[in-house]
Amino acid sequence: MAAYLFASVEVTDPVGYEDYRRQVPAIIAAYGGRYLVRGGATVALEGERPEKRLVIVEFPDMARLRAFYDSPEYRPLLALRQRAARSTLTAIEGI
């Protein structure tokens, strides 16, 4: 069953975040992930429009999503993202 990583990101250091953004796609792909949403314009249909960058990544299953997030390859990029942005990440199991 597919699993999705949903991230809401407020970039505080654009230069540092650009380093993260440039390096992370290869690691995501190595764990079977693919971007469904990566930034882009948002339109509020109900409630307020989110001011943050939104990202959705699809993985084959929750195990692969967790393997990516916990991987030694991602660990330095996780630290880089945490220095360059304030984020919330949620793992969601699909149907």
N, C-alpha and C. Protein backbone atom coordinates (compact mmCIF):
# COMPACT_ATOMS: atom_id res chain seq x y z
N MET A 1 0.85 -1.17 0.00
CA MET A 1 0.00 0.00 0.00
C MET A 1 0.89 1.24 0.00
N ALA A 2 0.66 2.16 -0.90
CA ALA A 2 1.46 3.38 -1.00
C ALA A 2 1.42 4.16 0.31
N ALA A 3 2.46 4.93 0.53
CA ALA A 3 2.54 5.82 1.69
C ALA A 3 3.03 7.17 1.19
N TYR A 4 2.60 8.21 1.86
CA TYR A 4 2.88 9.57 1.42
C TYR A 4 3.55 10.37 2.52
N LEU A 5 4.56 11.12 2.13
CA LEU A 5 5.22 12.04 3.04
C LEU A 5 4.69 13.42 2.70
N PHE A 6 4.01 14.05 3.65
CA PHE A 6 3.44 15.38 3.47
C PHE A 6 4.27 16.34 4.30
N ALA A 7 4.83 17.35 3.67
CA ALA A 7 5.68 18.31 4.36
C ALA A 7 5.17 19.73 4.14
N SER A 8 5.13 20.48 5.21
CA SER A 8 4.86 21.90 5.16
C SER A 8 6.14 22.59 5.63
N VAL A 9 6.71 23.42 4.77
CA VAL A 9 8.05 23.94 5.01
C VAL A 9 8.06 25.46 4.93
N GLU A 10 8.59 26.10 5.96
CA GLU A 10 8.82 27.54 5.95
C GLU A 10 10.33 27.75 5.86
N VAL A 11 10.80 28.18 4.73
CA VAL A 11 12.23 28.36 4.49
C VAL A 11 12.70 29.61 5.24
N THR A 12 13.74 29.44 6.06
CA THR A 12 14.32 30.56 6.80
C THR A 12 15.70 30.93 6.29
N ASP A 13 16.35 30.02 5.59
CA ASP A 13 17.68 30.24 5.00
C ASP A 13 17.63 29.73 3.57
N PRO A 14 17.29 30.60 2.61
CA PRO A 14 17.13 30.16 1.22
C PRO A 14 18.37 29.51 0.62
N VAL A 15 19.55 29.97 0.96
CA VAL A 15 20.78 29.39 0.40
C VAL A 15 20.96 27.97 0.93
N GLY A 16 20.83 27.78 2.23
CA GLY A 16 20.94 26.45 2.81
C GLY A 16 19.86 25.51 2.30
N TYR A 17 18.65 26.02 2.17
CA TYR A 17 17.55 25.18 1.69
C TYR A 17 17.76 24.77 0.24
N GLU A 18 18.35 25.64 -0.55
CA GLU A 18 18.63 25.29 -1.94
C GLU A 18 19.60 24.11 -2.02
N ASP A 19 20.59 24.07 -1.12
CA ASP A 19 21.49 22.92 -1.05
C ASP A 19 20.70 21.64 -0.77
N TYR A 20 19.79 21.71 0.18
CA TYR A 20 18.94 20.56 0.52
C TYR A 20 18.10 20.15 -0.69
N ARG A 21 17.43 21.11 -1.28
CA ARG A 21 16.51 20.86 -2.40
C ARG A 21 17.22 20.23 -3.59
N ARG A 22 18.46 20.60 -3.79
CA ARG A 22 19.24 20.07 -4.90
C ARG A 22 19.68 18.62 -4.65
N GLN A 23 19.98 18.28 -3.39
CA GLN A 23 20.54 16.97 -3.08
C GLN A 23 19.52 15.88 -2.75
N VAL A 24 18.36 16.24 -2.23
CA VAL A 24 17.44 15.24 -1.70
C VAL A 24 16.73 14.39 -2.77
N PRO A 25 16.46 14.86 -3.98
CA PRO A 25 15.73 14.02 -4.94
C PRO A 25 16.39 12.67 -5.23
N ALA A 26 17.70 12.62 -5.31
CA ALA A 26 18.38 11.35 -5.60
C ALA A 26 18.18 10.35 -4.47
N ILE A 27 18.17 10.82 -3.24
CA ILE A 27 17.97 9.91 -2.10
C ILE A 27 16.53 9.43 -2.08
N ILE A 28 15.60 10.33 -2.32
CA ILE A 28 14.18 9.93 -2.37
C ILE A 28 13.99 8.86 -3.44
N ALA A 29 14.54 9.08 -4.63
CA ALA A 29 14.41 8.12 -5.73
C ALA A 29 15.04 6.78 -5.37
N ALA A 30 16.15 6.79 -4.66
CA ALA A 30 16.82 5.55 -4.28
C ALA A 30 15.96 4.68 -3.38
N TYR A 31 15.01 5.28 -2.67
CA TYR A 31 14.10 4.53 -1.80
C TYR A 31 12.72 4.34 -2.44
N GLY A 32 12.64 4.56 -3.74
CA GLY A 32 11.40 4.31 -4.46
C GLY A 32 10.41 5.45 -4.41
N GLY A 33 10.82 6.61 -3.90
CA GLY A 33 9.91 7.74 -3.79
C GLY A 33 9.86 8.57 -5.05
N ARG A 34 8.74 9.27 -5.20
CA ARG A 34 8.60 10.21 -6.32
C ARG A 34 7.76 11.39 -5.87
N TYR A 35 8.15 12.56 -6.33
CA TYR A 35 7.41 13.78 -5.97
C TYR A 35 6.06 13.80 -6.66
N LEU A 36 5.04 14.13 -5.91
CA LEU A 36 3.73 14.43 -6.47
C LEU A 36 3.50 15.94 -6.45
N VAL A 37 4.00 16.59 -5.41
CA VAL A 37 3.91 18.04 -5.25
C VAL A 37 5.24 18.50 -4.70
N ARG A 38 5.79 19.54 -5.30
CA ARG A 38 7.05 20.10 -4.80
C ARG A 38 6.99 21.60 -4.96
N GLY A 39 6.44 22.27 -3.93
CA GLY A 39 6.28 23.72 -4.02
C GLY A 39 5.11 24.01 -4.94
N GLY A 40 5.21 25.04 -5.70
CA GLY A 40 4.14 25.39 -6.63
C GLY A 40 3.09 26.28 -5.98
N ALA A 41 2.27 26.84 -6.83
CA ALA A 41 1.21 27.75 -6.37
C ALA A 41 0.14 26.99 -5.61
N THR A 42 -0.44 27.65 -4.63
CA THR A 42 -1.55 27.09 -3.88
C THR A 42 -2.75 28.02 -3.99
N VAL A 43 -3.93 27.45 -3.92
CA VAL A 43 -5.17 28.20 -3.95
C VAL A 43 -6.03 27.69 -2.80
N ALA A 44 -6.46 28.60 -1.95
CA ALA A 44 -7.32 28.21 -0.83
C ALA A 44 -8.73 28.00 -1.35
N LEU A 45 -9.24 26.78 -1.19
CA LEU A 45 -10.64 26.51 -1.53
C LEU A 45 -11.52 26.66 -0.30
N GLU A 46 -10.98 26.35 0.86
CA GLU A 46 -11.66 26.56 2.14
C GLU A 46 -10.61 26.95 3.15
N GLY A 47 -10.94 27.84 4.05
CA GLY A 47 -9.96 28.28 5.04
C GLY A 47 -8.94 29.21 4.42
N GLU A 48 -7.81 29.35 5.13
CA GLU A 48 -6.77 30.26 4.66
C GLU A 48 -5.75 29.53 3.80
N ARG A 49 -5.20 30.23 2.84
CA ARG A 49 -4.16 29.67 1.98
C ARG A 49 -2.90 29.48 2.80
N PRO A 50 -2.29 28.31 2.71
CA PRO A 50 -1.04 28.11 3.46
C PRO A 50 0.07 28.99 2.89
N GLU A 51 0.83 29.60 3.77
CA GLU A 51 1.91 30.48 3.35
C GLU A 51 3.21 29.71 3.16
N LYS A 52 3.21 28.45 3.51
CA LYS A 52 4.43 27.67 3.48
C LYS A 52 4.53 26.87 2.19
N ARG A 53 5.72 26.36 1.94
CA ARG A 53 5.99 25.47 0.81
C ARG A 53 5.41 24.11 1.16
N LEU A 54 4.65 23.52 0.26
CA LEU A 54 4.06 22.20 0.48
C LEU A 54 4.72 21.19 -0.44
N VAL A 55 4.99 20.00 0.11
CA VAL A 55 5.64 18.93 -0.64
C VAL A 55 4.91 17.63 -0.31
N ILE A 56 4.62 16.83 -1.33
CA ILE A 56 4.06 15.49 -1.15
C ILE A 56 4.91 14.53 -1.95
N VAL A 57 5.41 13.49 -1.27
CA VAL A 57 6.23 12.47 -1.91
C VAL A 57 5.55 11.12 -1.71
N GLU A 58 5.41 10.36 -2.79
CA GLU A 58 4.80 9.03 -2.72
C GLU A 58 5.91 7.97 -2.66
N PHE A 59 5.76 7.02 -1.74
CA PHE A 59 6.65 5.86 -1.63
C PHE A 59 5.83 4.60 -1.84
N PRO A 60 6.47 3.49 -2.22
CA PRO A 60 5.72 2.25 -2.45
C PRO A 60 4.95 1.77 -1.22
N ASP A 61 5.51 2.02 -0.03
CA ASP A 61 4.84 1.61 1.21
C ASP A 61 5.48 2.35 2.38
N MET A 62 4.89 2.19 3.56
CA MET A 62 5.37 2.90 4.74
C MET A 62 6.78 2.46 5.12
N ALA A 63 7.10 1.20 4.90
CA ALA A 63 8.44 0.71 5.23
C ALA A 63 9.50 1.45 4.42
N ARG A 64 9.24 1.67 3.13
CA ARG A 64 10.21 2.39 2.29
C ARG A 64 10.29 3.87 2.67
N LEU A 65 9.16 4.45 3.02
CA LEU A 65 9.16 5.84 3.47
C LEU A 65 10.03 5.97 4.72
N ARG A 66 9.80 5.10 5.69
CA ARG A 66 10.59 5.14 6.94
C ARG A 66 12.06 4.83 6.67
N ALA A 67 12.34 3.89 5.77
CA ALA A 67 13.73 3.57 5.44
C ALA A 67 14.42 4.80 4.87
N PHE A 68 13.73 5.55 4.01
CA PHE A 68 14.29 6.80 3.50
C PHE A 68 14.56 7.78 4.64
N TYR A 69 13.55 8.03 5.45
CA TYR A 69 13.66 9.06 6.50
C TYR A 69 14.75 8.71 7.51
N ASP A 70 14.89 7.44 7.83
CA ASP A 70 15.86 6.99 8.84
C ASP A 70 17.22 6.63 8.24
N SER A 71 17.40 6.80 6.94
CA SER A 71 18.61 6.33 6.26
C SER A 71 19.84 7.17 6.61
N PRO A 72 21.00 6.54 6.59
CA PRO A 72 22.24 7.29 6.80
C PRO A 72 22.50 8.30 5.69
N GLU A 73 21.99 8.06 4.50
CA GLU A 73 22.16 9.01 3.40
C GLU A 73 21.37 10.30 3.64
N TYR A 74 20.18 10.16 4.26
CA TYR A 74 19.33 11.32 4.47
C TYR A 74 19.70 12.11 5.72
N ARG A 75 20.32 11.45 6.69
CA ARG A 75 20.60 12.09 7.98
C ARG A 75 21.28 13.45 7.84
N PRO A 76 22.36 13.61 7.04
CA PRO A 76 22.97 14.95 6.94
C PRO A 76 22.05 15.96 6.26
N LEU A 77 21.22 15.50 5.33
CA LEU A 77 20.29 16.43 4.68
C LEU A 77 19.16 16.82 5.62
N LEU A 78 18.74 15.91 6.48
CA LEU A 78 17.74 16.23 7.49
C LEU A 78 18.27 17.36 8.38
N ALA A 79 19.52 17.24 8.83
CA ALA A 79 20.12 18.28 9.66
C ALA A 79 20.20 19.60 8.89
N LEU A 80 20.54 19.54 7.61
CA LEU A 80 20.60 20.74 6.78
C LEU A 80 19.22 21.38 6.67
N ARG A 81 18.18 20.58 6.40
CA ARG A 81 16.82 21.13 6.32
C ARG A 81 16.40 21.76 7.63
N GLN A 82 16.73 21.11 8.74
CA GLN A 82 16.31 21.64 10.03
C GLN A 82 17.02 22.96 10.36
N ARG A 83 18.21 23.18 9.81
CA ARG A 83 18.89 24.47 9.99
C ARG A 83 18.33 25.54 9.07
N ALA A 84 17.86 25.14 7.89
CA ALA A 84 17.46 26.10 6.86
C ALA A 84 15.96 26.37 6.80
N ALA A 85 15.17 25.62 7.59
CA ALA A 85 13.72 25.77 7.50
C ALA A 85 13.04 25.26 8.77
N ARG A 86 11.82 25.73 8.97
CA ARG A 86 10.93 25.15 10.00
C ARG A 86 9.94 24.29 9.24
N SER A 87 9.79 23.06 9.68
CA SER A 87 8.97 22.11 8.91
C SER A 87 8.10 21.27 9.82
N THR A 88 7.01 20.80 9.25
CA THR A 88 6.25 19.70 9.84
C THR A 88 6.17 18.62 8.76
N LEU A 89 6.42 17.38 9.15
CA LEU A 89 6.35 16.24 8.23
C LEU A 89 5.37 15.23 8.81
N THR A 90 4.55 14.68 7.94
CA THR A 90 3.59 13.67 8.33
C THR A 90 3.67 12.53 7.34
N ALA A 91 3.74 11.29 7.85
CA ALA A 91 3.69 10.10 7.01
C ALA A 91 2.26 9.60 7.02
N ILE A 92 1.70 9.36 5.82
CA ILE A 92 0.30 8.97 5.69
C ILE A 92 0.22 7.70 4.85
N GLU A 93 -0.45 6.69 5.40
CA GLU A 93 -0.64 5.46 4.63
C GLU A 93 -1.79 5.65 3.65
N GLY A 94 -1.57 5.23 2.41
CA GLY A 94 -2.60 5.36 1.38
C GLY A 94 -3.63 4.25 1.45
N ILE A 95 -4.52 4.24 0.47
CA ILE A 95 -5.54 3.20 0.42
C ILE A 95 -5.38 2.42 -0.87
